[in-house]
Amino acid sequence: MTLTESNAFVSMASSADQDYPPSNILDPNDKVFWMTTGLYPQEFIITFKEPIEFRQIRFVTTNVKRFVMFTTSNQEPKNFETILEKTLSNNENNLQVTDFTLDRSIDVRYLKCVILAAYDSFSSVHSLKFDAENSRTGKKY
């Protein structure tokens, strides 16, 4: 089951282009993507209608230099906690694949990602994937 089938959606993005919309972040196909504008920081928030629990993250990007991810299990998108901060190497416009395993599983209703810096005026997010399950039903994603 994909995240879009699990009722996850991008509830906020700092920029949007009709050809490269924020919803592409949740598409499992790495050939589609969300394109940022030329100013940084850029950010997006993913909302889960039902909380999920995950420990592993795969973040696929291009031209991203530095990013930070935050999560919260609150009913509203506030009181976020930092779960991951990374500086990536320059892949010369090729895909940057970041796999990360957290120290423990966490319950998440909102995930916020902030791209702090990039190697070019534009960067892109091709996908964000989790090894996750619905924390209420136990359904795997």
N, C-alpha and C. Protein backbone atom coordinates (compact mmCIF):
# COMPACT_ATOMS: atom_id res chain seq x y z
N MET A 1 0.85 -1.18 0.00
CA MET A 1 0.00 0.00 0.00
C MET A 1 0.89 1.24 0.00
N THR A 2 0.58 2.20 -0.84
CA THR A 2 1.36 3.44 -0.89
C THR A 2 0.82 4.43 0.14
N LEU A 3 1.61 5.46 0.39
CA LEU A 3 1.18 6.47 1.35
C LEU A 3 -0.05 7.22 0.87
N THR A 4 -0.18 7.46 -0.43
CA THR A 4 -1.36 8.15 -0.92
C THR A 4 -2.61 7.30 -0.72
N GLU A 5 -2.47 5.97 -0.84
CA GLU A 5 -3.61 5.09 -0.58
C GLU A 5 -3.95 5.03 0.90
N SER A 6 -3.02 5.41 1.75
CA SER A 6 -3.25 5.38 3.19
C SER A 6 -3.81 6.70 3.71
N ASN A 7 -4.23 7.57 2.79
CA ASN A 7 -4.78 8.87 3.14
C ASN A 7 -3.74 9.85 3.67
N ALA A 8 -2.51 9.70 3.24
CA ALA A 8 -1.49 10.71 3.49
C ALA A 8 -1.58 11.74 2.38
N PHE A 9 -1.33 13.00 2.71
CA PHE A 9 -1.34 14.03 1.68
C PHE A 9 -0.41 15.16 2.09
N VAL A 10 0.05 15.91 1.10
CA VAL A 10 0.88 17.07 1.36
C VAL A 10 -0.06 18.22 1.70
N SER A 11 -0.05 18.63 2.95
CA SER A 11 -0.99 19.66 3.42
C SER A 11 -0.43 21.07 3.30
N MET A 12 0.90 21.20 3.12
CA MET A 12 1.51 22.52 2.97
C MET A 12 2.81 22.36 2.21
N ALA A 13 3.06 23.28 1.30
CA ALA A 13 4.35 23.36 0.61
C ALA A 13 4.65 24.83 0.37
N SER A 14 5.91 25.18 0.50
CA SER A 14 6.30 26.59 0.38
C SER A 14 6.33 27.08 -1.06
N SER A 15 6.28 26.16 -2.01
CA SER A 15 6.22 26.56 -3.42
C SER A 15 5.46 25.50 -4.20
N ALA A 16 4.95 25.90 -5.36
CA ALA A 16 4.20 24.96 -6.19
C ALA A 16 4.30 25.36 -7.65
N ASP A 17 4.37 24.36 -8.49
CA ASP A 17 4.38 24.52 -9.93
C ASP A 17 3.41 23.49 -10.48
N GLN A 18 2.53 23.88 -11.37
CA GLN A 18 1.52 22.95 -11.85
C GLN A 18 2.13 21.73 -12.54
N ASP A 19 3.33 21.86 -13.09
CA ASP A 19 3.98 20.72 -13.73
C ASP A 19 4.71 19.83 -12.74
N TYR A 20 5.05 20.37 -11.57
CA TYR A 20 5.80 19.62 -10.55
C TYR A 20 5.18 19.86 -9.18
N PRO A 21 3.93 19.40 -8.97
CA PRO A 21 3.20 19.72 -7.74
C PRO A 21 3.74 19.00 -6.51
N PRO A 22 3.48 19.54 -5.33
CA PRO A 22 3.90 18.91 -4.08
C PRO A 22 3.37 17.48 -3.91
N SER A 23 2.22 17.18 -4.48
CA SER A 23 1.66 15.82 -4.35
C SER A 23 2.59 14.76 -4.94
N ASN A 24 3.48 15.15 -5.84
CA ASN A 24 4.43 14.18 -6.41
C ASN A 24 5.38 13.60 -5.37
N ILE A 25 5.54 14.26 -4.25
CA ILE A 25 6.41 13.75 -3.18
C ILE A 25 5.96 12.37 -2.73
N LEU A 26 4.65 12.12 -2.73
CA LEU A 26 4.11 10.85 -2.25
C LEU A 26 3.93 9.81 -3.36
N ASP A 27 4.23 10.18 -4.58
CA ASP A 27 4.13 9.24 -5.69
C ASP A 27 5.33 8.29 -5.61
N PRO A 28 5.11 6.97 -5.65
CA PRO A 28 6.23 6.04 -5.52
C PRO A 28 7.17 6.04 -6.72
N ASN A 29 6.79 6.69 -7.82
CA ASN A 29 7.61 6.75 -9.02
C ASN A 29 8.63 7.89 -8.87
N ASP A 30 9.92 7.55 -8.83
CA ASP A 30 10.97 8.55 -8.65
C ASP A 30 11.15 9.45 -9.87
N LYS A 31 10.47 9.17 -10.97
CA LYS A 31 10.60 9.99 -12.18
C LYS A 31 9.74 11.26 -12.11
N VAL A 32 8.77 11.30 -11.21
CA VAL A 32 7.99 12.52 -10.99
C VAL A 32 8.50 13.16 -9.70
N PHE A 33 8.33 14.47 -9.57
CA PHE A 33 8.92 15.15 -8.43
C PHE A 33 8.25 16.49 -8.16
N TRP A 34 8.54 17.03 -6.96
CA TRP A 34 8.16 18.38 -6.59
C TRP A 34 9.38 19.25 -6.80
N MET A 35 9.23 20.34 -7.52
CA MET A 35 10.32 21.26 -7.79
C MET A 35 10.17 22.49 -6.90
N THR A 36 11.26 22.86 -6.24
CA THR A 36 11.25 24.06 -5.41
C THR A 36 11.46 25.30 -6.27
N THR A 37 11.24 26.45 -5.69
CA THR A 37 11.62 27.70 -6.34
C THR A 37 13.04 28.04 -5.91
N GLY A 38 13.55 29.15 -6.35
CA GLY A 38 14.96 29.48 -6.15
C GLY A 38 15.35 30.03 -4.80
N LEU A 39 14.43 30.20 -3.88
CA LEU A 39 14.78 30.75 -2.57
C LEU A 39 14.74 29.66 -1.51
N TYR A 40 15.59 29.77 -0.50
CA TYR A 40 15.63 28.79 0.59
C TYR A 40 15.53 29.53 1.91
N PRO A 41 14.93 28.90 2.92
CA PRO A 41 14.51 27.50 2.97
C PRO A 41 13.21 27.24 2.21
N GLN A 42 13.00 25.98 1.85
CA GLN A 42 11.76 25.48 1.26
C GLN A 42 11.26 24.38 2.20
N GLU A 43 9.95 24.22 2.31
CA GLU A 43 9.45 23.19 3.22
C GLU A 43 8.12 22.62 2.76
N PHE A 44 7.82 21.46 3.31
CA PHE A 44 6.52 20.84 3.08
C PHE A 44 6.11 20.08 4.33
N ILE A 45 4.80 19.88 4.47
CA ILE A 45 4.26 19.08 5.58
C ILE A 45 3.40 17.98 4.99
N ILE A 46 3.62 16.76 5.45
CA ILE A 46 2.77 15.63 5.09
C ILE A 46 1.87 15.34 6.27
N THR A 47 0.57 15.21 6.00
CA THR A 47 -0.43 14.92 7.02
C THR A 47 -0.93 13.51 6.82
N PHE A 48 -1.03 12.77 7.92
CA PHE A 48 -1.60 11.42 7.92
C PHE A 48 -2.93 11.49 8.65
N LYS A 49 -4.00 11.10 7.96
CA LYS A 49 -5.32 11.14 8.60
C LYS A 49 -5.37 10.20 9.80
N GLU A 50 -4.70 9.08 9.70
CA GLU A 50 -4.52 8.17 10.82
C GLU A 50 -3.03 8.13 11.11
N PRO A 51 -2.62 8.17 12.36
CA PRO A 51 -1.19 8.17 12.67
C PRO A 51 -0.51 6.90 12.14
N ILE A 52 0.74 7.07 11.73
CA ILE A 52 1.54 5.91 11.34
C ILE A 52 2.71 5.78 12.31
N GLU A 53 3.28 4.61 12.33
CA GLU A 53 4.47 4.35 13.13
C GLU A 53 5.57 3.91 12.17
N PHE A 54 6.72 4.56 12.26
CA PHE A 54 7.82 4.15 11.39
C PHE A 54 9.16 4.31 12.08
N ARG A 55 10.15 3.64 11.50
CA ARG A 55 11.52 3.72 11.98
C ARG A 55 12.50 4.00 10.84
N GLN A 56 12.11 3.63 9.62
CA GLN A 56 12.99 3.80 8.47
C GLN A 56 12.41 4.81 7.48
N ILE A 57 13.30 5.62 6.90
CA ILE A 57 12.92 6.66 5.95
C ILE A 57 13.82 6.55 4.73
N ARG A 58 13.22 6.72 3.55
CA ARG A 58 13.99 6.89 2.31
C ARG A 58 13.54 8.20 1.68
N PHE A 59 14.50 9.09 1.47
CA PHE A 59 14.24 10.43 0.93
C PHE A 59 15.06 10.56 -0.34
N VAL A 60 14.38 10.75 -1.48
CA VAL A 60 15.05 10.81 -2.78
C VAL A 60 14.91 12.23 -3.32
N THR A 61 16.06 12.87 -3.61
CA THR A 61 16.09 14.28 -3.99
C THR A 61 17.11 14.51 -5.10
N THR A 62 17.15 15.74 -5.61
CA THR A 62 18.26 16.22 -6.43
C THR A 62 18.62 17.63 -5.98
N ASN A 63 19.90 17.90 -5.98
CA ASN A 63 20.47 19.22 -5.66
C ASN A 63 20.22 19.72 -4.24
N VAL A 64 19.76 18.87 -3.35
CA VAL A 64 19.57 19.27 -1.95
C VAL A 64 20.92 19.19 -1.23
N LYS A 65 21.27 20.27 -0.55
CA LYS A 65 22.53 20.30 0.20
C LYS A 65 22.30 19.94 1.67
N ARG A 66 21.28 20.55 2.27
CA ARG A 66 21.05 20.32 3.70
C ARG A 66 19.55 20.36 3.98
N PHE A 67 19.08 19.39 4.78
CA PHE A 67 17.67 19.36 5.15
C PHE A 67 17.51 18.89 6.59
N VAL A 68 16.34 19.16 7.14
CA VAL A 68 16.00 18.70 8.48
C VAL A 68 14.55 18.22 8.44
N MET A 69 14.26 17.13 9.16
CA MET A 69 12.90 16.60 9.25
C MET A 69 12.44 16.64 10.70
N PHE A 70 11.15 16.94 10.84
CA PHE A 70 10.50 17.04 12.15
C PHE A 70 9.22 16.22 12.11
N THR A 71 8.79 15.73 13.25
CA THR A 71 7.50 15.03 13.34
C THR A 71 6.76 15.46 14.60
N THR A 72 5.46 15.21 14.56
CA THR A 72 4.63 15.35 15.75
C THR A 72 3.49 14.36 15.65
N SER A 73 3.02 13.91 16.78
CA SER A 73 1.84 13.03 16.83
C SER A 73 0.62 13.79 17.34
N ASN A 74 0.76 15.10 17.55
CA ASN A 74 -0.35 15.93 18.01
C ASN A 74 -1.47 15.99 16.98
N GLN A 75 -2.66 16.34 17.42
CA GLN A 75 -3.80 16.50 16.52
C GLN A 75 -3.61 17.68 15.56
N GLU A 76 -2.85 18.67 15.96
CA GLU A 76 -2.57 19.85 15.14
C GLU A 76 -1.07 19.85 14.82
N PRO A 77 -0.68 20.47 13.69
CA PRO A 77 0.74 20.48 13.32
C PRO A 77 1.55 21.49 14.13
N LYS A 78 1.84 21.13 15.38
CA LYS A 78 2.62 22.00 16.26
C LYS A 78 3.45 21.13 17.20
N ASN A 79 4.39 21.75 17.87
CA ASN A 79 5.30 21.08 18.81
C ASN A 79 6.07 19.95 18.11
N PHE A 80 6.67 20.28 16.97
CA PHE A 80 7.45 19.31 16.22
C PHE A 80 8.77 19.00 16.93
N GLU A 81 9.23 17.76 16.76
CA GLU A 81 10.53 17.33 17.27
C GLU A 81 11.43 16.96 16.10
N THR A 82 12.69 17.35 16.17
CA THR A 82 13.64 17.01 15.12
C THR A 82 13.94 15.52 15.16
N ILE A 83 13.84 14.86 13.99
CA ILE A 83 14.19 13.43 13.92
C ILE A 83 15.40 13.17 13.04
N LEU A 84 15.72 14.11 12.16
CA LEU A 84 16.81 13.86 11.21
C LEU A 84 17.30 15.18 10.65
N GLU A 85 18.61 15.35 10.63
CA GLU A 85 19.24 16.51 9.98
C GLU A 85 20.45 16.00 9.23
N LYS A 86 20.50 16.31 7.92
CA LYS A 86 21.58 15.76 7.09
C LYS A 86 22.12 16.81 6.14
N THR A 87 23.41 16.69 5.86
CA THR A 87 24.05 17.42 4.77
C THR A 87 24.42 16.37 3.73
N LEU A 88 23.97 16.59 2.50
CA LEU A 88 24.19 15.63 1.42
C LEU A 88 25.33 16.09 0.52
N SER A 89 25.98 15.13 -0.11
CA SER A 89 27.03 15.48 -1.07
C SER A 89 26.38 15.87 -2.40
N ASN A 90 27.13 16.62 -3.18
CA ASN A 90 26.64 17.09 -4.47
C ASN A 90 26.72 15.95 -5.49
N ASN A 91 25.58 15.56 -6.03
CA ASN A 91 25.53 14.47 -7.00
C ASN A 91 25.41 14.97 -8.43
N GLU A 92 25.72 16.26 -8.67
CA GLU A 92 25.72 16.81 -10.02
C GLU A 92 24.42 16.54 -10.77
N ASN A 93 23.30 16.89 -10.17
CA ASN A 93 21.96 16.74 -10.76
C ASN A 93 21.46 15.30 -10.85
N ASN A 94 22.15 14.35 -10.26
CA ASN A 94 21.68 12.97 -10.20
C ASN A 94 20.91 12.76 -8.90
N LEU A 95 20.16 11.68 -8.83
CA LEU A 95 19.37 11.40 -7.63
C LEU A 95 20.25 11.24 -6.41
N GLN A 96 19.80 11.81 -5.31
CA GLN A 96 20.43 11.63 -4.00
C GLN A 96 19.48 10.75 -3.20
N VAL A 97 19.92 9.58 -2.82
CA VAL A 97 19.07 8.65 -2.07
C VAL A 97 19.59 8.61 -0.63
N THR A 98 18.74 9.04 0.29
CA THR A 98 19.09 9.04 1.71
C THR A 98 18.22 8.01 2.42
N ASP A 99 18.85 6.96 2.92
CA ASP A 99 18.17 5.96 3.74
C ASP A 99 18.61 6.18 5.18
N PHE A 100 17.65 6.18 6.08
CA PHE A 100 17.97 6.43 7.48
C PHE A 100 17.08 5.59 8.38
N THR A 101 17.68 5.02 9.41
CA THR A 101 16.94 4.27 10.41
C THR A 101 17.03 5.02 11.73
N LEU A 102 15.88 5.31 12.29
CA LEU A 102 15.83 6.00 13.58
C LEU A 102 16.20 5.05 14.71
N ASP A 103 16.53 5.60 15.85
CA ASP A 103 16.88 4.79 17.02
C ASP A 103 15.71 3.96 17.52
N ARG A 104 14.50 4.47 17.28
CA ARG A 104 13.29 3.78 17.74
C ARG A 104 12.15 4.12 16.80
N SER A 105 11.09 3.34 16.84
CA SER A 105 9.89 3.64 16.07
C SER A 105 9.18 4.82 16.72
N ILE A 106 8.57 5.66 15.88
CA ILE A 106 7.85 6.81 16.39
C ILE A 106 6.47 6.88 15.76
N ASP A 107 5.51 7.39 16.52
CA ASP A 107 4.16 7.64 16.01
C ASP A 107 4.14 9.03 15.37
N VAL A 108 3.54 9.10 14.18
CA VAL A 108 3.57 10.35 13.43
C VAL A 108 2.20 10.66 12.85
N ARG A 109 1.74 11.88 13.06
CA ARG A 109 0.55 12.38 12.38
C ARG A 109 0.96 13.44 11.35
N TYR A 110 2.03 14.18 11.63
CA TYR A 110 2.54 15.19 10.70
C TYR A 110 4.05 15.03 10.59
N LEU A 111 4.55 15.15 9.37
CA LEU A 111 5.98 15.18 9.12
C LEU A 111 6.30 16.45 8.35
N LYS A 112 7.23 17.22 8.88
CA LYS A 112 7.66 18.46 8.22
C LYS A 112 9.09 18.29 7.77
N CYS A 113 9.35 18.67 6.53
CA CYS A 113 10.71 18.65 5.99
C CYS A 113 11.07 20.06 5.54
N VAL A 114 12.24 20.52 5.96
CA VAL A 114 12.73 21.84 5.58
C VAL A 114 14.04 21.65 4.83
N ILE A 115 14.06 22.11 3.59
CA ILE A 115 15.30 22.10 2.81
C ILE A 115 15.97 23.44 3.10
N LEU A 116 17.08 23.38 3.80
CA LEU A 116 17.76 24.59 4.27
C LEU A 116 18.66 25.21 3.21
N ALA A 117 19.27 24.36 2.37
CA ALA A 117 20.21 24.85 1.35
C ALA A 117 20.27 23.85 0.21
N ALA A 118 20.70 24.36 -0.95
CA ALA A 118 20.79 23.50 -2.13
C ALA A 118 22.06 23.82 -2.91
N TYR A 119 22.41 22.92 -3.83
CA TYR A 119 23.58 23.12 -4.67
C TYR A 119 23.27 23.92 -5.92
N ASP A 120 22.00 24.22 -6.15
CA ASP A 120 21.57 24.95 -7.33
C ASP A 120 20.40 25.84 -6.93
N SER A 121 19.95 26.69 -7.82
CA SER A 121 18.80 27.55 -7.53
C SER A 121 17.54 26.73 -7.29
N PHE A 122 17.46 25.58 -7.96
CA PHE A 122 16.29 24.72 -7.83
C PHE A 122 16.72 23.36 -7.31
N SER A 123 15.90 22.78 -6.47
CA SER A 123 16.11 21.41 -6.02
C SER A 123 14.78 20.68 -6.18
N SER A 124 14.82 19.37 -6.06
CA SER A 124 13.59 18.59 -6.23
C SER A 124 13.52 17.46 -5.23
N VAL A 125 12.28 17.12 -4.88
CA VAL A 125 12.02 15.96 -4.02
C VAL A 125 11.27 14.96 -4.87
N HIS A 126 11.88 13.79 -5.07
CA HIS A 126 11.31 12.76 -5.94
C HIS A 126 10.42 11.80 -5.16
N SER A 127 10.78 11.51 -3.94
CA SER A 127 9.91 10.67 -3.12
C SER A 127 10.34 10.68 -1.67
N LEU A 128 9.39 10.35 -0.84
CA LEU A 128 9.61 10.17 0.59
C LEU A 128 8.87 8.91 0.97
N LYS A 129 9.61 7.91 1.42
CA LYS A 129 9.01 6.61 1.71
C LYS A 129 9.36 6.20 3.14
N PHE A 130 8.46 5.41 3.73
CA PHE A 130 8.63 4.96 5.10
C PHE A 130 8.40 3.46 5.15
N ASP A 131 9.10 2.79 6.05
CA ASP A 131 8.74 1.43 6.42
C ASP A 131 7.80 1.62 7.60
N ALA A 132 6.49 1.64 7.31
CA ALA A 132 5.54 2.11 8.31
C ALA A 132 4.33 1.21 8.42
N GLU A 133 3.62 1.42 9.53
CA GLU A 133 2.31 0.79 9.70
C GLU A 133 1.39 1.77 10.41
N ASN A 134 0.11 1.56 10.21
CA ASN A 134 -0.89 2.37 10.89
C ASN A 134 -0.83 2.00 12.36
N SER A 135 -0.60 2.96 13.22
CA SER A 135 -0.40 2.66 14.64
C SER A 135 -1.69 2.23 15.34
N ARG A 136 -2.85 2.43 14.69
CA ARG A 136 -4.11 2.00 15.30
C ARG A 136 -4.57 0.64 14.78
N THR A 137 -4.37 0.41 13.45
CA THR A 137 -4.88 -0.83 12.86
C THR A 137 -3.81 -1.88 12.65
N GLY A 138 -2.53 -1.45 12.66
CA GLY A 138 -1.44 -2.38 12.40
C GLY A 138 -1.22 -2.64 10.92
N LYS A 139 -1.95 -1.96 10.03
CA LYS A 139 -1.82 -2.16 8.58
C LYS A 139 -0.45 -1.63 8.13
N LYS A 140 0.28 -2.45 7.35
CA LYS A 140 1.61 -2.10 6.85
C LYS A 140 1.52 -1.26 5.60
N TYR A 141 2.53 -0.34 5.42
CA TYR A 141 2.62 0.48 4.21
C TYR A 141 3.96 0.22 3.56
